[in-house]
PDB file of N, CA and C in Angstrom:
ATOM      1  N   MET A   1       3.980  58.634 -13.698  1.00  0.00           N
ATOM      2  CA  MET A   1       4.432  57.525 -12.895  1.00  0.00           C
ATOM      3  C   MET A   1       3.247  56.555 -12.588  1.00  0.00           C
ATOM      4  N   GLN A   2       2.039  56.961 -12.565  1.00  0.00           N
ATOM      5  CA  GLN A   2       0.940  56.095 -12.358  1.00  0.00           C
ATOM      6  C   GLN A   2       0.683  54.945 -13.413  1.00  0.00           C
ATOM      7  N   PRO A   3       1.059  55.191 -14.672  1.00  0.00           N
ATOM      8  CA  PRO A   3       0.936  54.089 -15.692  1.00  0.00           C
ATOM      9  C   PRO A   3       1.923  52.945 -15.285  1.00  0.00           C
ATOM     10  N   LEU A   4       2.980  53.252 -14.548  1.00  0.00           N
ATOM     11  CA  LEU A   4       3.935  52.145 -14.098  1.00  0.00           C
ATOM     12  C   LEU A   4       3.338  51.257 -13.100  1.00  0.00           C
ATOM     13  N   ILE A   5       2.462  51.671 -12.272  1.00  0.00           N
ATOM     14  CA  ILE A   5       1.936  50.915 -11.166  1.00  0.00           C
ATOM     15  C   ILE A   5       0.977  49.821 -11.688  1.00  0.00           C
ATOM     16  N   PRO A   6       0.094  49.993 -12.640  1.00  0.00           N
ATOM     17  CA  PRO A   6      -0.642  48.984 -13.195  1.00  0.00           C
ATOM     18  C   PRO A   6       0.207  47.900 -13.865  1.00  0.00           C
ATOM     19  N   GLN A   7       1.177  48.366 -14.656  1.00  0.00           N
ATOM     20  CA  GLN A   7       2.143  47.546 -15.352  1.00  0.00           C
ATOM     21  C   GLN A   7       2.896  46.641 -14.368  1.00  0.00           C
ATOM     22  N   LEU A   8       3.343  47.278 -13.160  1.00  0.00           N
ATOM     23  CA  LEU A   8       4.041  46.443 -12.143  1.00  0.00           C
ATOM     24  C   LEU A   8       3.103  45.381 -11.589  1.00  0.00           C
ATOM     25  N   ARG A   9       1.816  45.752 -11.416  1.00  0.00           N
ATOM     26  CA  ARG A   9       0.894  44.770 -10.753  1.00  0.00           C
ATOM     27  C   ARG A   9       0.667  43.645 -11.747  1.00  0.00           C
ATOM     28  N   ARG A  10       0.602  43.942 -12.976  1.00  0.00           N
ATOM     29  CA  ARG A  10       0.422  42.856 -14.068  1.00  0.00           C
ATOM     30  C   ARG A  10       1.733  41.948 -14.029  1.00  0.00           C
ATOM     31  N   THR A  11       2.837  42.534 -13.948  1.00  0.00           N
ATOM     32  CA  THR A  11       4.082  41.730 -13.924  1.00  0.00           C
ATOM     33  C   THR A  11       4.120  40.884 -12.659  1.00  0.00           C
ATOM     34  N   LEU A  12       3.710  41.470 -11.534  1.00  0.00           N
ATOM     35  CA  LEU A  12       3.766  40.645 -10.305  1.00  0.00           C
ATOM     36  C   LEU A  12       2.666  39.510 -10.349  1.00  0.00           C
ATOM     37  N   LEU A  13       1.515  39.872 -11.000  1.00  0.00           N
ATOM     38  CA  LEU A  13       0.605  38.749 -11.090  1.00  0.00           C
ATOM     39  C   LEU A  13       0.975  37.656 -12.037  1.00  0.00           C
ATOM     40  N   LEU A  14       1.666  38.031 -13.123  1.00  0.00           N
ATOM     41  CA  LEU A  14       2.179  36.985 -14.035  1.00  0.00           C
ATOM     42  C   LEU A  14       3.266  36.122 -13.400  1.00  0.00           C
ATOM     43  N   LEU A  15       4.146  36.800 -12.612  1.00  0.00           N
ATOM     44  CA  LEU A  15       5.183  35.989 -11.943  1.00  0.00           C
ATOM     45  C   LEU A  15       4.583  35.066 -10.843  1.00  0.00           C
ATOM     46  N   ALA A  16       3.559  35.616 -10.122  1.00  0.00           N
ATOM     47  CA  ALA A  16       2.845  34.721  -9.234  1.00  0.00           C
ATOM     48  C   ALA A  16       2.070  33.475  -9.876  1.00  0.00           C
ATOM     49  N   CYS A  17       1.613  33.818 -11.006  1.00  0.00           N
ATOM     50  CA  CYS A  17       0.960  32.686 -11.771  1.00  0.00           C
ATOM     51  C   CYS A  17       1.977  31.515 -12.177  1.00  0.00           C
ATOM     52  N   PHE A  18       3.195  31.953 -12.543  1.00  0.00           N
ATOM     53  CA  PHE A  18       4.171  31.093 -13.145  1.00  0.00           C
ATOM     54  C   PHE A  18       5.088  30.462 -11.963  1.00  0.00           C
ATOM     55  N   LEU A  19       5.324  31.306 -11.014  1.00  0.00           N
ATOM     56  CA  LEU A  19       6.287  30.813  -9.922  1.00  0.00           C
ATOM     57  C   LEU A  19       5.636  29.978  -8.914  1.00  0.00           C
ATOM     58  N   LEU A  20       4.433  30.335  -8.475  1.00  0.00           N
ATOM     59  CA  LEU A  20       3.735  29.593  -7.337  1.00  0.00           C
ATOM     60  C   LEU A  20       3.587  28.078  -7.813  1.00  0.00           C
ATOM     61  N   PRO A  21       3.155  27.659  -8.877  1.00  0.00           N
ATOM     62  CA  PRO A  21       3.068  26.250  -9.219  1.00  0.00           C
ATOM     63  C   PRO A  21       4.405  25.561  -9.139  1.00  0.00           C
ATOM     64  N   THR A  22       5.425  26.348  -9.591  1.00  0.00           N
ATOM     65  CA  THR A  22       6.721  25.766  -9.519  1.00  0.00           C
ATOM     66  C   THR A  22       7.225  25.503  -8.169  1.00  0.00           C
ATOM     67  N   PHE A  23       6.898  26.294  -7.185  1.00  0.00           N
ATOM     68  CA  PHE A  23       7.221  26.084  -5.748  1.00  0.00           C
ATOM     69  C   PHE A  23       6.459  24.884  -5.219  1.00  0.00           C
ATOM     70  N   SER A  24       5.333  24.665  -5.634  1.00  0.00           N
ATOM     71  CA  SER A  24       4.496  23.541  -5.018  1.00  0.00           C
ATOM     72  C   SER A  24       5.024  22.187  -5.673  1.00  0.00           C
ATOM     73  N   LEU A  25       5.505  22.305  -6.942  1.00  0.00           N
ATOM     74  CA  LEU A  25       6.069  21.130  -7.517  1.00  0.00           C
ATOM     75  C   LEU A  25       7.450  20.796  -6.876  1.00  0.00           C
ATOM     76  N   LYS A  26       8.128  21.724  -6.519  1.00  0.00           N
ATOM     77  CA  LYS A  26       9.376  21.411  -5.877  1.00  0.00           C
ATOM     78  C   LYS A  26       9.128  20.742  -4.377  1.00  0.00           C
ATOM     79  N   ALA A  27       8.167  21.205  -3.823  1.00  0.00           N
ATOM     80  CA  ALA A  27       7.748  20.655  -2.454  1.00  0.00           C
ATOM     81  C   ALA A  27       7.401  19.128  -2.673  1.00  0.00           C
ATOM     82  N   ASP A  28       6.644  18.773  -3.813  1.00  0.00           N
ATOM     83  CA  ASP A  28       6.249  17.405  -4.048  1.00  0.00           C
ATOM     84  C   ASP A  28       7.324  16.559  -4.468  1.00  0.00           C
ATOM     85  N   GLU A  29       8.326  17.168  -5.082  1.00  0.00           N
ATOM     86  CA  GLU A  29       9.505  16.430  -5.456  1.00  0.00           C
ATOM     87  C   GLU A  29      10.191  15.638  -4.391  1.00  0.00           C
ATOM     88  N   LYS A  30       9.883  15.922  -3.233  1.00  0.00           N
ATOM     89  CA  LYS A  30      10.541  15.234  -2.042  1.00  0.00           C
ATOM     90  C   LYS A  30       9.714  13.952  -1.714  1.00  0.00           C
ATOM     91  N   THR A  31       8.618  13.739  -2.361  1.00  0.00           N
ATOM     92  CA  THR A  31       7.850  12.496  -2.170  1.00  0.00           C
ATOM     93  C   THR A  31       8.035  11.612  -3.407  1.00  0.00           C
ATOM     94  N   GLU A  32       8.717  10.386  -3.082  1.00  0.00           N
ATOM     95  CA  GLU A  32       8.876   9.452  -4.245  1.00  0.00           C
ATOM     96  C   GLU A  32       7.694   8.528  -4.144  1.00  0.00           C
ATOM     97  N   PRO A  33       7.091   8.174  -5.266  1.00  0.00           N
ATOM     98  CA  PRO A  33       5.962   7.211  -5.370  1.00  0.00           C
ATOM     99  C   PRO A  33       6.525   5.843  -5.079  1.00  0.00           C
ATOM    100  N   PRO A  34       5.538   4.954  -4.718  1.00  0.00           N
ATOM    101  CA  PRO A  34       5.955   3.512  -4.495  1.00  0.00           C
ATOM    102  C   PRO A  34       6.200   2.927  -5.842  1.00  0.00           C
ATOM    103  N   VAL A  35       7.238   1.839  -5.774  1.00  0.00           N
ATOM    104  CA  VAL A  35       7.637   1.317  -6.915  1.00  0.00           C
ATOM    105  C   VAL A  35       7.276  -0.257  -6.945  1.00  0.00           C
ATOM    106  N   PRO A  36       6.521  -0.718  -7.899  1.00  0.00           N
ATOM    107  CA  PRO A  36       6.122  -2.091  -7.943  1.00  0.00           C
ATOM    108  C   PRO A  36       7.367  -3.045  -7.879  1.00  0.00           C
ATOM    109  N   VAL A  37       7.238  -3.958  -7.096  1.00  0.00           N
ATOM    110  CA  VAL A  37       8.271  -5.017  -6.984  1.00  0.00           C
ATOM    111  C   VAL A  37       7.829  -6.410  -7.466  1.00  0.00           C
ATOM    112  N   ARG A  38       6.517  -6.646  -7.123  1.00  0.00           N
ATOM    113  CA  ARG A  38       5.806  -7.847  -7.641  1.00  0.00           C
ATOM    114  C   ARG A  38       4.317  -7.445  -7.847  1.00  0.00           C
ATOM    115  N   MET A  39       3.896  -7.836  -9.168  1.00  0.00           N
ATOM    116  CA  MET A  39       2.488  -7.580  -9.553  1.00  0.00           C
ATOM    117  C   MET A  39       2.013  -8.636 -10.362  1.00  0.00           C
ATOM    118  N   PRO A  40       1.679  -9.912  -9.776  1.00  0.00           N
ATOM    119  CA  PRO A  40       1.108 -10.861 -10.573  1.00  0.00           C
ATOM    120  C   PRO A  40      -0.169 -10.483 -11.196  1.00  0.00           C
ATOM    121  N   PRO A  41      -0.396 -10.828 -12.378  1.00  0.00           N
ATOM    122  CA  PRO A  41      -1.610 -10.337 -13.172  1.00  0.00           C
ATOM    123  C   PRO A  41      -2.936 -11.070 -12.581  1.00  0.00           C
ATOM    124  N   PRO A  42      -4.043 -10.514 -12.768  1.00  0.00           N
ATOM    125  CA  PRO A  42      -5.219 -11.080 -12.188  1.00  0.00           C
ATOM    126  C   PRO A  42      -5.650 -12.218 -13.075  1.00  0.00           C
ATOM    127  N   GLU A  43      -6.324 -13.244 -12.590  1.00  0.00           N
ATOM    128  CA  GLU A  43      -6.877 -14.330 -13.303  1.00  0.00           C
ATOM    129  C   GLU A  43      -8.164 -13.811 -14.129  1.00  0.00           C
ATOM    130  N   VAL A  44      -8.210 -14.138 -15.325  1.00  0.00           N
ATOM    131  CA  VAL A  44      -9.368 -13.781 -16.162  1.00  0.00           C
ATOM    132  C   VAL A  44     -10.502 -14.737 -16.044  1.00  0.00           C
ATOM    133  N   PRO A  45     -11.651 -14.397 -15.542  1.00  0.00           N
ATOM    134  CA  PRO A  45     -12.690 -15.511 -15.427  1.00  0.00           C
ATOM    135  C   PRO A  45     -12.932 -16.183 -16.808  1.00  0.00           C
ATOM    136  N   GLY A  46     -13.155 -17.491 -16.715  1.00  0.00           N
ATOM    137  CA  GLY A  46     -13.314 -18.301 -17.998  1.00  0.00           C
ATOM    138  C   GLY A  46     -14.386 -17.742 -18.899  1.00  0.00           C
ATOM    139  N   LYS A  47     -15.465 -17.328 -18.252  1.00  0.00           N
ATOM    140  CA  LYS A  47     -16.618 -16.877 -19.092  1.00  0.00           C
ATOM    141  C   LYS A  47     -16.216 -15.587 -19.830  1.00  0.00           C
ATOM    142  N   PHE A  48     -15.487 -14.836 -19.150  1.00  0.00           N
ATOM    143  CA  PHE A  48     -14.946 -13.517 -19.687  1.00  0.00           C
ATOM    144  C   PHE A  48     -13.957 -13.693 -20.717  1.00  0.00           C
ATOM    145  N   ALA A  49     -13.065 -14.760 -20.495  1.00  0.00           N
ATOM    146  CA  ALA A  49     -11.945 -15.008 -21.342  1.00  0.00           C
ATOM    147  C   ALA A  49     -12.389 -15.386 -22.699  1.00  0.00           C
ATOM    148  N   SER A  50     -13.491 -16.103 -22.691  1.00  0.00           N
ATOM    149  CA  SER A  50     -13.939 -16.621 -24.096  1.00  0.00           C
ATOM    150  C   SER A  50     -14.898 -15.667 -24.807  1.00  0.00           C
ATOM    151  N   SER A  51     -15.080 -14.504 -24.220  1.00  0.00           N
ATOM    152  CA  SER A  51     -16.091 -13.488 -24.744  1.00  0.00           C
ATOM    153  C   SER A  51     -15.434 -12.548 -25.814  1.00  0.00           C
ATOM    154  N   GLY A  52     -14.139 -12.497 -25.820  1.00  0.00           N
ATOM    155  CA  GLY A  52     -13.540 -11.621 -26.701  1.00  0.00           C
ATOM    156  C   GLY A  52     -13.685 -10.048 -26.308  1.00  0.00           C
ATOM    157  N   SER A  53     -14.023  -9.838 -25.085  1.00  0.00           N
ATOM    158  CA  SER A  53     -14.218  -8.458 -24.625  1.00  0.00           C
ATOM    159  C   SER A  53     -13.017  -7.850 -23.995  1.00  0.00           C
ATOM    160  N   VAL A  54     -13.036  -6.662 -23.722  1.00  0.00           N
ATOM    161  CA  VAL A  54     -11.870  -5.945 -22.976  1.00  0.00           C
ATOM    162  C   VAL A  54     -12.596  -5.284 -21.816  1.00  0.00           C
ATOM    163  N   GLY A  55     -12.025  -5.501 -20.545  1.00  0.00           N
ATOM    164  CA  GLY A  55     -12.511  -4.787 -19.455  1.00  0.00           C
ATOM    165  C   GLY A  55     -11.542  -4.054 -18.663  1.00  0.00           C
ATOM    166  N   LEU A  56     -12.187  -3.130 -17.714  1.00  0.00           N
ATOM    167  CA  LEU A  56     -11.209  -2.208 -17.007  1.00  0.00           C
ATOM    168  C   LEU A  56     -11.725  -2.175 -15.581  1.00  0.00           C
ATOM    169  N   VAL A  57     -10.987  -2.375 -14.633  1.00  0.00           N
ATOM    170  CA  VAL A  57     -11.438  -2.203 -13.262  1.00  0.00           C
ATOM    171  C   VAL A  57     -10.363  -1.303 -12.603  1.00  0.00           C
ATOM    172  N   THR A  58     -10.978  -0.175 -12.010  1.00  0.00           N
ATOM    173  CA  THR A  58     -10.028   0.759 -11.343  1.00  0.00           C
ATOM    174  C   THR A  58     -10.185   0.412  -9.871  1.00  0.00           C
ATOM    175  N   VAL A  59      -9.024   0.199  -9.159  1.00  0.00           N
ATOM    176  CA  VAL A  59      -8.871  -0.257  -7.802  1.00  0.00           C
ATOM    177  C   VAL A  59      -8.077   0.874  -7.064  1.00  0.00           C
ATOM    178  N   THR A  60      -8.578   1.212  -5.772  1.00  0.00           N
ATOM    179  CA  THR A  60      -7.770   2.036  -4.930  1.00  0.00           C
ATOM    180  C   THR A  60      -7.313   1.266  -3.791  1.00  0.00           C
ATOM    181  N   PHE A  61      -6.252   1.555  -3.279  1.00  0.00           N
ATOM    182  CA  PHE A  61      -5.663   0.897  -1.995  1.00  0.00           C
ATOM    183  C   PHE A  61      -4.547   1.754  -1.414  1.00  0.00           C
ATOM    184  N   THR A  62      -4.145   1.337  -0.227  1.00  0.00           N
ATOM    185  CA  THR A  62      -2.971   1.938   0.447  1.00  0.00           C
ATOM    186  C   THR A  62      -1.775   1.003   0.347  1.00  0.00           C
ATOM    187  N   VAL A  63      -0.604   1.689   0.046  1.00  0.00           N
ATOM    188  CA  VAL A  63       0.590   1.027   0.058  1.00  0.00           C
ATOM    189  C   VAL A  63       1.355   1.517   1.340  1.00  0.00           C
ATOM    190  N   ASP A  64       1.413   0.638   2.453  1.00  0.00           N
ATOM    191  CA  ASP A  64       1.935   0.946   3.730  1.00  0.00           C
ATOM    192  C   ASP A  64       3.404   1.202   3.618  1.00  0.00           C
ATOM    193  N   ASP A  65       4.002   1.640   4.743  1.00  0.00           N
ATOM    194  CA  ASP A  65       5.473   1.924   4.837  1.00  0.00           C
ATOM    195  C   ASP A  65       6.343   0.714   4.674  1.00  0.00           C
ATOM    196  N   LYS A  66       5.658  -0.394   4.528  1.00  0.00           N
ATOM    197  CA  LYS A  66       6.554  -1.657   4.401  1.00  0.00           C
ATOM    198  C   LYS A  66       6.401  -2.220   2.946  1.00  0.00           C
ATOM    199  N   GLY A  67       5.485  -1.486   2.137  1.00  0.00           N
ATOM    200  CA  GLY A  67       5.267  -1.869   0.702  1.00  0.00           C
ATOM    201  C   GLY A  67       4.150  -2.896   0.554  1.00  0.00           C
ATOM    202  N   ASN A  68       3.363  -3.112   1.565  1.00  0.00           N
ATOM    203  CA  ASN A  68       2.211  -3.997   1.467  1.00  0.00           C
ATOM    204  C   ASN A  68       0.986  -3.304   1.055  1.00  0.00           C
ATOM    205  N   VAL A  69       0.022  -3.964   0.386  1.00  0.00           N
ATOM    206  CA  VAL A  69      -1.222  -3.448  -0.012  1.00  0.00           C
ATOM    207  C   VAL A  69      -2.312  -3.657   1.053  1.00  0.00           C
ATOM    208  N   LEU A  70      -3.038  -2.558   1.476  1.00  0.00           N
ATOM    209  CA  LEU A  70      -4.022  -2.685   2.448  1.00  0.00           C
ATOM    210  C   LEU A  70      -5.328  -2.026   1.817  1.00  0.00           C
ATOM    211  N   GLU A  71      -6.392  -2.672   2.189  1.00  0.00           N
ATOM    212  CA  GLU A  71      -7.709  -2.106   1.964  1.00  0.00           C
ATOM    213  C   GLU A  71      -8.044  -1.912   0.497  1.00  0.00           C
ATOM    214  N   PRO A  72      -7.709  -2.765  -0.395  1.00  0.00           N
ATOM    215  CA  PRO A  72      -8.109  -2.549  -1.855  1.00  0.00           C
ATOM    216  C   PRO A  72      -9.506  -2.519  -1.974  1.00  0.00           C
ATOM    217  N   SER A  73     -10.046  -1.636  -2.824  1.00  0.00           N
ATOM    218  CA  SER A  73     -11.453  -1.511  -3.167  1.00  0.00           C
ATOM    219  C   SER A  73     -11.729  -1.039  -4.472  1.00  0.00           C
ATOM    220  N   VAL A  74     -12.833  -1.436  -5.192  1.00  0.00           N
ATOM    221  CA  VAL A  74     -13.054  -1.055  -6.504  1.00  0.00           C
ATOM    222  C   VAL A  74     -13.704   0.374  -6.589  1.00  0.00           C
ATOM    223  N   VAL A  75     -13.094   1.204  -7.427  1.00  0.00           N
ATOM    224  CA  VAL A  75     -13.619   2.465  -7.605  1.00  0.00           C
ATOM    225  C   VAL A  75     -14.704   2.452  -8.814  1.00  0.00           C
ATOM    226  N   LYS A  76     -14.347   1.761  -9.778  1.00  0.00           N
ATOM    227  CA  LYS A  76     -15.415   1.628 -10.904  1.00  0.00           C
ATOM    228  C   LYS A  76     -14.920   0.335 -11.772  1.00  0.00           C
ATOM    229  N   SER A  77     -15.808  -0.270 -12.483  1.00  0.00           N
ATOM    230  CA  SER A  77     -15.515  -1.371 -13.290  1.00  0.00           C
ATOM    231  C   SER A  77     -16.425  -1.363 -14.440  1.00  0.00           C
ATOM    232  N   SER A  78     -15.918  -2.009 -15.560  1.00  0.00           N
ATOM    233  CA  SER A  78     -16.709  -2.150 -16.761  1.00  0.00           C
ATOM    234  C   SER A  78     -17.568  -3.332 -16.705  1.00  0.00           C
ATOM    235  N   HIS A  79     -17.117  -4.467 -15.867  1.00  0.00           N
ATOM    236  CA  HIS A  79     -17.786  -5.762 -15.821  1.00  0.00           C
ATOM    237  C   HIS A  79     -17.663  -6.209 -14.357  1.00  0.00           C
ATOM    238  N   ALA A  80     -18.748  -6.322 -13.781  1.00  0.00           N
ATOM    239  CA  ALA A  80     -18.806  -6.925 -12.319  1.00  0.00           C
ATOM    240  C   ALA A  80     -18.015  -7.987 -12.037  1.00  0.00           C
ATOM    241  N   GLU A  81     -18.081  -9.035 -13.015  1.00  0.00           N
ATOM    242  CA  GLU A  81     -17.323 -10.268 -12.809  1.00  0.00           C
ATOM    243  C   GLU A  81     -15.778 -10.112 -12.751  1.00  0.00           C
ATOM    244  N   LEU A  82     -15.223  -8.980 -13.148  1.00  0.00           N
ATOM    245  CA  LEU A  82     -13.840  -8.711 -12.998  1.00  0.00           C
ATOM    246  C   LEU A  82     -13.343  -8.093 -11.642  1.00  0.00           C
ATOM    247  N   GLU A  83     -14.316  -7.741 -10.943  1.00  0.00           N
ATOM    248  CA  GLU A  83     -13.882  -7.005  -9.729  1.00  0.00           C
ATOM    249  C   GLU A  83     -13.252  -7.836  -8.729  1.00  0.00           C
ATOM    250  N   GLN A  84     -13.739  -9.023  -8.445  1.00  0.00           N
ATOM    251  CA  GLN A  84     -13.148  -9.919  -7.491  1.00  0.00           C
ATOM    252  C   GLN A  84     -11.639 -10.407  -7.874  1.00  0.00           C
ATOM    253  N   PRO A  85     -11.540 -10.784  -9.191  1.00  0.00           N
ATOM    254  CA  PRO A  85     -10.238 -11.119  -9.585  1.00  0.00           C
ATOM    255  C   PRO A  85      -9.129 -10.026  -9.535  1.00  0.00           C
ATOM    256  N   ALA A  86      -9.603  -8.671  -9.727  1.00  0.00           N
ATOM    257  CA  ALA A  86      -8.709  -7.601  -9.630  1.00  0.00           C
ATOM    258  C   ALA A  86      -8.395  -7.374  -8.184  1.00  0.00           C
ATOM    259  N   ILE A  87      -9.222  -7.427  -7.235  1.00  0.00           N
ATOM    260  CA  ILE A  87      -9.013  -7.196  -5.882  1.00  0.00           C
ATOM    261  C   ILE A  87      -8.062  -8.419  -5.432  1.00  0.00           C
ATOM    262  N   ALA A  88      -8.353  -9.676  -5.787  1.00  0.00           N
ATOM    263  CA  ALA A  88      -7.487 -10.790  -5.411  1.00  0.00           C
ATOM    264  C   ALA A  88      -6.014 -10.598  -6.003  1.00  0.00           C
ATOM    265  N   ALA A  89      -5.824 -10.042  -7.088  1.00  0.00           N
ATOM    266  CA  ALA A  89      -4.488  -9.806  -7.641  1.00  0.00           C
ATOM    267  C   ALA A  89      -3.880  -8.810  -6.871  1.00  0.00           C
ATOM    268  N   VAL A  90      -4.515  -7.663  -6.663  1.00  0.00           N
ATOM    269  CA  VAL A  90      -3.834  -6.443  -6.029  1.00  0.00           C
ATOM    270  C   VAL A  90      -3.412  -6.871  -4.560  1.00  0.00           C
ATOM    271  N   LYS A  91      -4.167  -7.667  -3.934  1.00  0.00           N
ATOM    272  CA  LYS A  91      -3.694  -8.096  -2.535  1.00  0.00           C
ATOM    273  C   LYS A  91      -2.354  -8.890  -2.655  1.00  0.00           C
ATOM    274  N   LYS A  92      -2.050  -9.401  -3.726  1.00  0.00           N
ATOM    275  CA  LYS A  92      -0.632 -10.165  -3.871  1.00  0.00           C
ATOM    276  C   LYS A  92       0.429  -9.297  -4.196  1.00  0.00           C
ATOM    277  N   TRP A  93       0.171  -7.990  -4.680  1.00  0.00           N
ATOM    278  CA  TRP A  93       1.162  -7.053  -5.088  1.00  0.00           C
ATOM    279  C   TRP A  93       2.059  -6.671  -4.035  1.00  0.00           C
ATOM    280  N   ARG A  94       3.336  -6.328  -4.289  1.00  0.00           N
ATOM    281  CA  ARG A  94       4.170  -5.747  -3.235  1.00  0.00           C
ATOM    282  C   ARG A  94       4.872  -4.567  -3.858  1.00  0.00           C
ATOM    283  N   PHE A  95       5.256  -3.592  -3.063  1.00  0.00           N
ATOM    284  CA  PHE A  95       5.927  -2.445  -3.605  1.00  0.00           C
ATOM    285  C   PHE A  95       7.238  -1.970  -2.779  1.00  0.00           C
ATOM    286  N   LYS A  96       7.977  -1.333  -3.338  1.00  0.00           N
ATOM    287  CA  LYS A  96       9.052  -0.482  -2.490  1.00  0.00           C
ATOM    288  C   LYS A  96       8.308   0.638  -2.007  1.00  0.00           C
ATOM    289  N   PRO A  97       8.261   0.869  -0.808  1.00  0.00           N
ATOM    290  CA  PRO A  97       7.329   2.025  -0.291  1.00  0.00           C
ATOM    291  C   PRO A  97       7.545   3.292  -0.880  1.00  0.00           C
ATOM    292  N   ALA A  98       6.583   4.322  -0.766  1.00  0.00           N
ATOM    293  CA  ALA A  98       6.877   5.607  -1.107  1.00  0.00           C
ATOM    294  C   ALA A  98       7.662   6.212  -0.017  1.00  0.00           C
ATOM    295  N   LYS A  99       8.313   7.224  -0.412  1.00  0.00           N
ATOM    296  CA  LYS A  99       9.182   7.974   0.658  1.00  0.00           C
ATOM    297  C   LYS A  99       9.024   9.448   0.555  1.00  0.00           C
ATOM    298  N   LYS A 100       8.961   9.980   1.735  1.00  0.00           N
ATOM    299  CA  LYS A 100       8.816  11.416   1.747  1.00  0.00           C
ATOM    300  C   LYS A 100      10.103  12.034   2.590  1.00  0.00           C
ATOM    301  N   ASP A 101      10.850  12.854   1.965  1.00  0.00           N
ATOM    302  CA  ASP A 101      12.078  13.258   2.685  1.00  0.00           C
ATOM    303  C   ASP A 101      13.015  12.213   3.027  1.00  0.00           C
ATOM    304  N   GLY A 102      12.956  11.119   2.311  1.00  0.00           N
ATOM    305  CA  GLY A 102      13.834   9.849   2.563  1.00  0.00           C
ATOM    306  C   GLY A 102      13.213   8.893   3.562  1.00  0.00           C
ATOM    307  N   VAL A 103      12.080   9.026   4.062  1.00  0.00           N
ATOM    308  CA  VAL A 103      11.377   8.246   5.036  1.00  0.00           C
ATOM    309  C   VAL A 103      10.319   7.453   4.365  1.00  0.00           C
ATOM    310  N   ALA A 104      10.194   6.199   4.551  1.00  0.00           N
ATOM    311  CA  ALA A 104       9.084   5.406   4.049  1.00  0.00           C
ATOM    312  C   ALA A 104       7.801   5.870   4.703  1.00  0.00           C
ATOM    313  N   VAL A 105       6.768   5.954   3.728  1.00  0.00           N
ATOM    314  CA  VAL A 105       5.489   6.439   4.235  1.00  0.00           C
ATOM    315  C   VAL A 105       4.362   5.706   3.573  1.00  0.00           C
ATOM    316  N   SER A 106       3.216   5.611   4.174  1.00  0.00           N
ATOM    317  CA  SER A 106       1.927   5.031   3.512  1.00  0.00           C
ATOM    318  C   SER A 106       1.480   5.991   2.505  1.00  0.00           C
ATOM    319  N   ILE A 107       0.920   5.517   1.456  1.00  0.00           N
ATOM    320  CA  ILE A 107       0.304   6.486   0.474  1.00  0.00           C
ATOM    321  C   ILE A 107      -0.876   5.644  -0.252  1.00  0.00           C
ATOM    322  N   LYS A 108      -1.778   6.499  -0.640  1.00  0.00           N
ATOM    323  CA  LYS A 108      -3.068   5.987  -1.342  1.00  0.00           C
ATOM    324  C   LYS A 108      -2.776   5.912  -2.783  1.00  0.00           C
ATOM    325  N   VAL A 109      -3.022   4.829  -3.426  1.00  0.00           N
ATOM    326  CA  VAL A 109      -2.855   4.650  -4.863  1.00  0.00           C
ATOM    327  C   VAL A 109      -4.146   4.252  -5.507  1.00  0.00           C
ATOM    328  N   THR A 110      -4.331   4.709  -6.751  1.00  0.00           N
ATOM    329  CA  THR A 110      -5.486   4.273  -7.551  1.00  0.00           C
ATOM    330  C   THR A 110      -4.878   3.945  -8.967  1.00  0.00           C
ATOM    331  N   ILE A 111      -5.336   2.704  -9.284  1.00  0.00           N
ATOM    332  CA  ILE A 111      -4.777   2.224 -10.601  1.00  0.00           C
ATOM    333  C   ILE A 111      -5.778   1.413 -11.372  1.00  0.00           C
ATOM    334  N   PRO A 112      -5.767   1.643 -12.692  1.00  0.00           N
ATOM    335  CA  PRO A 112      -6.638   0.810 -13.603  1.00  0.00           C
ATOM    336  C   PRO A 112      -5.942  -0.591 -13.851  1.00  0.00           C
ATOM    337  N   ILE A 113      -6.785  -1.569 -13.970  1.00  0.00           N
ATOM    338  CA  ILE A 113      -6.366  -2.898 -14.358  1.00  0.00           C
ATOM    339  C   ILE A 113      -7.142  -3.356 -15.518  1.00  0.00           C
ATOM    340  N   LYS A 114      -6.386  -3.577 -16.648  1.00  0.00           N
ATOM    341  CA  LYS A 114      -6.992  -3.863 -17.903  1.00  0.00           C
ATOM    342  C   LYS A 114      -7.102  -5.394 -18.085  1.00  0.00           C
ATOM    343  N   PHE A 115      -8.245  -5.836 -18.420  1.00  0.00           N
ATOM    344  CA  PHE A 115      -8.619  -7.300 -18.714  1.00  0.00           C
ATOM    345  C   PHE A 115      -8.689  -7.435 -20.213  1.00  0.00           C
ATOM    346  N   GLU A 116      -7.973  -8.435 -20.856  1.00  0.00           N
ATOM    347  CA  GLU A 116      -8.318  -8.711 -22.261  1.00  0.00           C
ATOM    348  C   GLU A 116      -8.555 -10.021 -22.465  1.00  0.00           C
ATOM    349  N   ALA A 117      -9.715 -10.379 -23.081  1.00  0.00           N
ATOM    350  CA  ALA A 117     -10.081 -11.709 -23.318  1.00  0.00           C
ATOM    351  C   ALA A 117      -9.212 -12.224 -24.575  1.00  0.00           C
ATOM    352  N   SER A 118      -8.859 -13.465 -24.598  1.00  0.00           N
ATOM    353  CA  SER A 118      -8.118 -13.930 -25.639  1.00  0.00           C
ATOM    354  C   SER A 118      -8.947 -14.450 -26.797  1.00  0.00           C
TER     355      SER A 118
END
């Protein structure tokens, strides 16, 4: 009977490894992410536009329970001259707010914005 106990422990451990992540995913399924309604693109600075470069600015902000963007800030960027246009664009964005259990909630969002010179 003793060999059965280690086998049972292994089985329970495997079940815990596979089932616990499933339970946490189901709990998160009740939170709907915000949905973009209006996202005007950023203006590409003239100097950058003629350079033929590609740039990336990662911006973090809060989408409030009304779908407005609050407190945008740059997390990282490939070109400093793209940071202000990225922030200016994000301030104009509007969202359908995130929902948790059917109720609109504020949520933190981080998004990369790609700039391509023509």
